[in-house]
Amino acid sequence: MDVAGPELTTFGAVLRFAIELEAASAAFYDAAVHTFAKDGPGTLVRELAAQHANRRHLLERTKQMKLNEMVLEPITGLEGARYRFEATPAPKDDLLSRAAALEAVAERFYGDSSIVAKALLTEAARTFRKLGEENGRNAARLRAVRA
C-alpha cells in the first residue's frame, strides 16, 4: 500500500491518518512474518505486527471515547506530503530497510502531530509523542537487525 500524503486540515483527519498508518503498518508486518524464520528478525517482525495492531485499536478507542468533540477542530502546520509511506510487501533483502523507513515516517508524523495536538488536547499530544518515540526505537531496532 503506497499512501500519498493526506489533507491534514482537521484533528479528525490527523486521527484518521494515524489509524490508517497503524493499520497499514500492521498489515505490512503481518505479510513480512512469512519471510523470516521464527527467530532473529522474524521475532521482531511479529512483535511489530502486534504492536501496530494494538496501536490502531488504541487510536480508534481514543477517537471514539475522548475526542469526538475535537475531530472537527481545524489545524494548521502539518504538510501531508511529508508523511507519504510505502507499506507494500517487499523482497526479503529490502524488507527491513522498508520497515525502518515506514517507522521513520510514523515517527515524523507523530512528532509533528504531537506539537499541533498540544494546542488542542494535551492527552492526544502526549499519546502522539509516545507513539513517535516508540517508532524511533522500532527504527533503531530494525537498523540494528539489518547491520
C-alpha atoms as a PDB file:
ATOM      1  CA  MET A   1       0.000   0.000   0.000  1.00  0.00           C
ATOM      2  CA  ASP A   2       1.513   3.270  -1.126  1.00  0.00           C
ATOM      3  CA  VAL A   3      -0.274   6.056   0.693  1.00  0.00           C
ATOM      4  CA  ALA A   4       0.110   9.602  -0.514  1.00  0.00           C
ATOM      5  CA  GLY A   5       0.207  12.494   1.875  1.00  0.00           C
ATOM      6  CA  PRO A   6      -3.302  13.258   3.123  1.00  0.00           C
ATOM      7  CA  GLU A   7      -5.083  16.547   3.671  1.00  0.00           C
ATOM      8  CA  LEU A   8      -4.469  17.177   7.361  1.00  0.00           C
ATOM      9  CA  THR A   9      -6.641  20.202   7.986  1.00  0.00           C
ATOM     10  CA  THR A  10      -8.723  18.933  10.929  1.00  0.00           C
ATOM     11  CA  PHE A  11      -7.861  16.982  14.009  1.00  0.00           C
ATOM     12  CA  GLY A  12     -10.200  14.231  12.779  1.00  0.00           C
ATOM     13  CA  ALA A  13      -8.148  13.936   9.589  1.00  0.00           C
ATOM     14  CA  VAL A  14      -4.997  13.567  11.696  1.00  0.00           C
ATOM     15  CA  LEU A  15      -6.617  10.779  13.721  1.00  0.00           C
ATOM     16  CA  ARG A  16      -7.926   9.028  10.593  1.00  0.00           C
ATOM     17  CA  PHE A  17      -4.461   9.139   9.050  1.00  0.00           C
ATOM     18  CA  ALA A  18      -2.886   7.816  12.261  1.00  0.00           C
ATOM     19  CA  ILE A  19      -5.341   4.903  12.287  1.00  0.00           C
ATOM     20  CA  GLU A  20      -4.667   4.234   8.587  1.00  0.00           C
ATOM     21  CA  LEU A  21      -0.906   4.394   9.192  1.00  0.00           C
ATOM     22  CA  GLU A  22      -1.148   1.852  12.026  1.00  0.00           C
ATOM     23  CA  ALA A  23      -3.406  -0.473  10.010  1.00  0.00           C
ATOM     24  CA  ALA A  24      -1.046  -0.366   7.008  1.00  0.00           C
ATOM     25  CA  SER A  25       1.979  -0.918   9.257  1.00  0.00           C
ATOM     26  CA  ALA A  26       0.353  -3.929  10.927  1.00  0.00           C
ATOM     27  CA  ALA A  27      -0.569  -5.385   7.510  1.00  0.00           C
ATOM     28  CA  PHE A  28       2.981  -4.779   6.249  1.00  0.00           C
ATOM     29  CA  TYR A  29       4.496  -6.652   9.184  1.00  0.00           C
ATOM     30  CA  ASP A  30       1.860  -9.417   9.020  1.00  0.00           C
ATOM     31  CA  ALA A  31       2.840 -10.021   5.380  1.00  0.00           C
ATOM     32  CA  ALA A  32       6.536  -9.971   6.321  1.00  0.00           C
ATOM     33  CA  VAL A  33       6.186 -12.607   9.052  1.00  0.00           C
ATOM     34  CA  HIS A  34       6.362 -15.389   6.475  1.00  0.00           C
ATOM     35  CA  THR A  35       9.594 -14.031   5.011  1.00  0.00           C
ATOM     36  CA  PHE A  36      11.742 -14.792   8.056  1.00  0.00           C
ATOM     37  CA  ALA A  37      12.357 -17.764  10.296  1.00  0.00           C
ATOM     38  CA  LYS A  38      10.710 -17.686  13.709  1.00  0.00           C
ATOM     39  CA  ASP A  39      13.861 -16.366  15.384  1.00  0.00           C
ATOM     40  CA  GLY A  40      16.060 -13.336  14.699  1.00  0.00           C
ATOM     41  CA  PRO A  41      14.362 -10.722  12.506  1.00  0.00           C
ATOM     42  CA  GLY A  42      11.207 -12.854  12.421  1.00  0.00           C
ATOM     43  CA  THR A  43      10.690 -12.335  16.137  1.00  0.00           C
ATOM     44  CA  LEU A  44      10.983  -8.572  15.748  1.00  0.00           C
ATOM     45  CA  VAL A  45       8.646  -8.519  12.735  1.00  0.00           C
ATOM     46  CA  ARG A  46       5.967 -10.498  14.637  1.00  0.00           C
ATOM     47  CA  GLU A  47       6.348  -8.170  17.615  1.00  0.00           C
ATOM     48  CA  LEU A  48       5.956  -5.079  15.426  1.00  0.00           C
ATOM     49  CA  ALA A  49       2.865  -6.530  13.686  1.00  0.00           C
ATOM     50  CA  ALA A  50       1.158  -6.978  17.055  1.00  0.00           C
ATOM     51  CA  GLN A  51       2.350  -3.591  18.306  1.00  0.00           C
ATOM     52  CA  HIS A  52       0.918  -1.691  15.338  1.00  0.00           C
ATOM     53  CA  ALA A  53      -2.386  -3.592  15.523  1.00  0.00           C
ATOM     54  CA  ASN A  54      -2.660  -2.663  19.209  1.00  0.00           C
ATOM     55  CA  ARG A  55      -1.793   0.958  18.462  1.00  0.00           C
ATOM     56  CA  ARG A  56      -4.538   1.110  15.833  1.00  0.00           C
ATOM     57  CA  HIS A  57      -7.070  -0.118  18.391  1.00  0.00           C
ATOM     58  CA  LEU A  58      -5.782   2.423  20.934  1.00  0.00           C
ATOM     59  CA  LEU A  59      -6.258   5.271  18.461  1.00  0.00           C
ATOM     60  CA  GLU A  60      -9.738   4.077  17.482  1.00  0.00           C
ATOM     61  CA  ARG A  61     -10.804   3.875  21.142  1.00  0.00           C
ATOM     62  CA  THR A  62      -9.285   7.281  21.830  1.00  0.00           C
ATOM     63  CA  LYS A  63     -11.187   8.798  18.930  1.00  0.00           C
ATOM     64  CA  GLN A  64     -14.499   7.247  19.986  1.00  0.00           C
ATOM     65  CA  MET A  65     -14.283   7.811  23.717  1.00  0.00           C
ATOM     66  CA  LYS A  66     -12.440  11.039  24.279  1.00  0.00           C
ATOM     67  CA  LEU A  67     -12.023  13.083  21.164  1.00  0.00           C
ATOM     68  CA  ASN A  68     -15.367  13.153  19.382  1.00  0.00           C
ATOM     69  CA  GLU A  69     -15.794  16.839  20.095  1.00  0.00           C
ATOM     70  CA  MET A  70     -12.283  17.608  18.823  1.00  0.00           C
ATOM     71  CA  VAL A  71     -12.361  15.867  15.446  1.00  0.00           C
ATOM     72  CA  LEU A  72     -13.675  18.902  13.572  1.00  0.00           C
ATOM     73  CA  GLU A  73     -11.185  21.315  15.117  1.00  0.00           C
ATOM     74  CA  PRO A  74      -9.211  22.953  12.312  1.00  0.00           C
ATOM     75  CA  ILE A  75      -5.456  22.591  12.435  1.00  0.00           C
ATOM     76  CA  THR A  76      -2.519  24.051  10.571  1.00  0.00           C
ATOM     77  CA  GLY A  77       1.130  23.189  10.261  1.00  0.00           C
ATOM     78  CA  LEU A  78       1.009  19.599   9.015  1.00  0.00           C
ATOM     79  CA  GLU A  79       2.030  19.044   5.402  1.00  0.00           C
ATOM     80  CA  GLY A  80       0.513  15.724   4.342  1.00  0.00           C
ATOM     81  CA  ALA A  81       3.153  15.139   1.662  1.00  0.00           C
ATOM     82  CA  ARG A  82       5.795  14.736   4.412  1.00  0.00           C
ATOM     83  CA  TYR A  83       4.055  11.544   5.568  1.00  0.00           C
ATOM     84  CA  ARG A  84       3.850   9.574   2.338  1.00  0.00           C
ATOM     85  CA  PHE A  85       4.695   5.947   3.048  1.00  0.00           C
ATOM     86  CA  GLU A  86       5.231   2.658   1.268  1.00  0.00           C
ATOM     87  CA  ALA A  87       3.728  -0.340   3.053  1.00  0.00           C
ATOM     88  CA  THR A  88       3.571  -2.865   0.235  1.00  0.00           C
ATOM     89  CA  PRO A  89       5.269  -6.223   0.693  1.00  0.00           C
ATOM     90  CA  ALA A  90       8.957  -6.143  -0.143  1.00  0.00           C
ATOM     91  CA  PRO A  91      11.552  -8.743  -1.112  1.00  0.00           C
ATOM     92  CA  LYS A  92      13.439 -10.172   1.838  1.00  0.00           C
ATOM     93  CA  ASP A  93      16.625  -8.204   1.109  1.00  0.00           C
ATOM     94  CA  ASP A  94      14.668  -4.905   1.080  1.00  0.00           C
ATOM     95  CA  LEU A  95      12.101  -5.666   3.758  1.00  0.00           C
ATOM     96  CA  LEU A  96      13.972  -4.414   6.819  1.00  0.00           C
ATOM     97  CA  SER A  97      15.013  -1.215   5.015  1.00  0.00           C
ATOM     98  CA  ARG A  98      11.422  -0.532   4.011  1.00  0.00           C
ATOM     99  CA  ALA A  99      10.251  -1.294   7.544  1.00  0.00           C
ATOM    100  CA  ALA A 100      12.790   1.163   9.000  1.00  0.00           C
ATOM    101  CA  ALA A 101      11.631   3.818   6.506  1.00  0.00           C
ATOM    102  CA  LEU A 102       7.990   3.202   7.474  1.00  0.00           C
ATOM    103  CA  GLU A 103       8.864   3.600  11.158  1.00  0.00           C
ATOM    104  CA  ALA A 104      10.750   6.830  10.373  1.00  0.00           C
ATOM    105  CA  VAL A 105       7.706   8.297   8.577  1.00  0.00           C
ATOM    106  CA  ALA A 106       5.489   7.360  11.522  1.00  0.00           C
ATOM    107  CA  GLU A 107       7.996   8.872  13.968  1.00  0.00           C
ATOM    108  CA  ARG A 108       7.986  12.148  11.998  1.00  0.00           C
ATOM    109  CA  PHE A 109       4.175  12.159  11.710  1.00  0.00           C
ATOM    110  CA  TYR A 110       3.596  11.554  15.408  1.00  0.00           C
ATOM    111  CA  GLY A 111       6.265  14.034  16.452  1.00  0.00           C
ATOM    112  CA  ASP A 112       4.791  16.773  14.270  1.00  0.00           C
ATOM    113  CA  SER A 113       1.231  15.850  15.265  1.00  0.00           C
ATOM    114  CA  SER A 114       2.047  15.984  18.962  1.00  0.00           C
ATOM    115  CA  ILE A 115       3.114  19.610  18.551  1.00  0.00           C
ATOM    116  CA  VAL A 116      -0.116  20.504  16.708  1.00  0.00           C
ATOM    117  CA  ALA A 117      -2.276  18.487  19.133  1.00  0.00           C
ATOM    118  CA  LYS A 118      -0.722  20.184  22.152  1.00  0.00           C
ATOM    119  CA  ALA A 119      -2.686  23.336  21.363  1.00  0.00           C
ATOM    120  CA  LEU A 120      -5.938  21.343  21.215  1.00  0.00           C
ATOM    121  CA  LEU A 121      -5.702  18.484  23.659  1.00  0.00           C
ATOM    122  CA  THR A 122      -2.838  17.633  25.971  1.00  0.00           C
ATOM    123  CA  GLU A 123      -3.763  13.939  26.190  1.00  0.00           C
ATOM    124  CA  ALA A 124      -3.674  13.481  22.411  1.00  0.00           C
ATOM    125  CA  ALA A 125      -0.351  15.316  22.227  1.00  0.00           C
ATOM    126  CA  ARG A 126       1.120  13.003  24.869  1.00  0.00           C
ATOM    127  CA  THR A 127      -0.178   9.905  23.048  1.00  0.00           C
ATOM    128  CA  PHE A 128       1.257  11.073  19.718  1.00  0.00           C
ATOM    129  CA  ARG A 129       4.604  11.921  21.332  1.00  0.00           C
ATOM    130  CA  LYS A 130       4.828   8.457  22.938  1.00  0.00           C
ATOM    131  CA  LEU A 131       3.896   6.716  19.684  1.00  0.00           C
ATOM    132  CA  GLY A 132       6.549   8.717  17.814  1.00  0.00           C
ATOM    133  CA  GLU A 133       9.200   7.823  20.379  1.00  0.00           C
ATOM    134  CA  GLU A 134       8.200   4.174  20.051  1.00  0.00           C
ATOM    135  CA  ASN A 135       8.588   4.417  16.264  1.00  0.00           C
ATOM    136  CA  GLY A 136      12.077   5.839  16.753  1.00  0.00           C
ATOM    137  CA  ARG A 137      13.024   2.863  18.918  1.00  0.00           C
ATOM    138  CA  ASN A 138      11.490   0.479  16.362  1.00  0.00           C
ATOM    139  CA  ALA A 139      13.505   2.041  13.533  1.00  0.00           C
ATOM    140  CA  ALA A 140      16.716   1.727  15.561  1.00  0.00           C
ATOM    141  CA  ARG A 141      15.960  -1.944  16.292  1.00  0.00           C
ATOM    142  CA  LEU A 142      15.311  -2.619  12.610  1.00  0.00           C
ATOM    143  CA  ARG A 143      18.545  -0.906  11.600  1.00  0.00           C
ATOM    144  CA  ALA A 144      20.447  -2.977  14.188  1.00  0.00           C
ATOM    145  CA  VAL A 145      18.979  -6.222  12.803  1.00  0.00           C
ATOM    146  CA  ARG A 146      19.953  -5.188   9.251  1.00  0.00           C
ATOM    147  CA  ALA A 147      23.540  -4.452  10.226  1.00  0.00           C
END
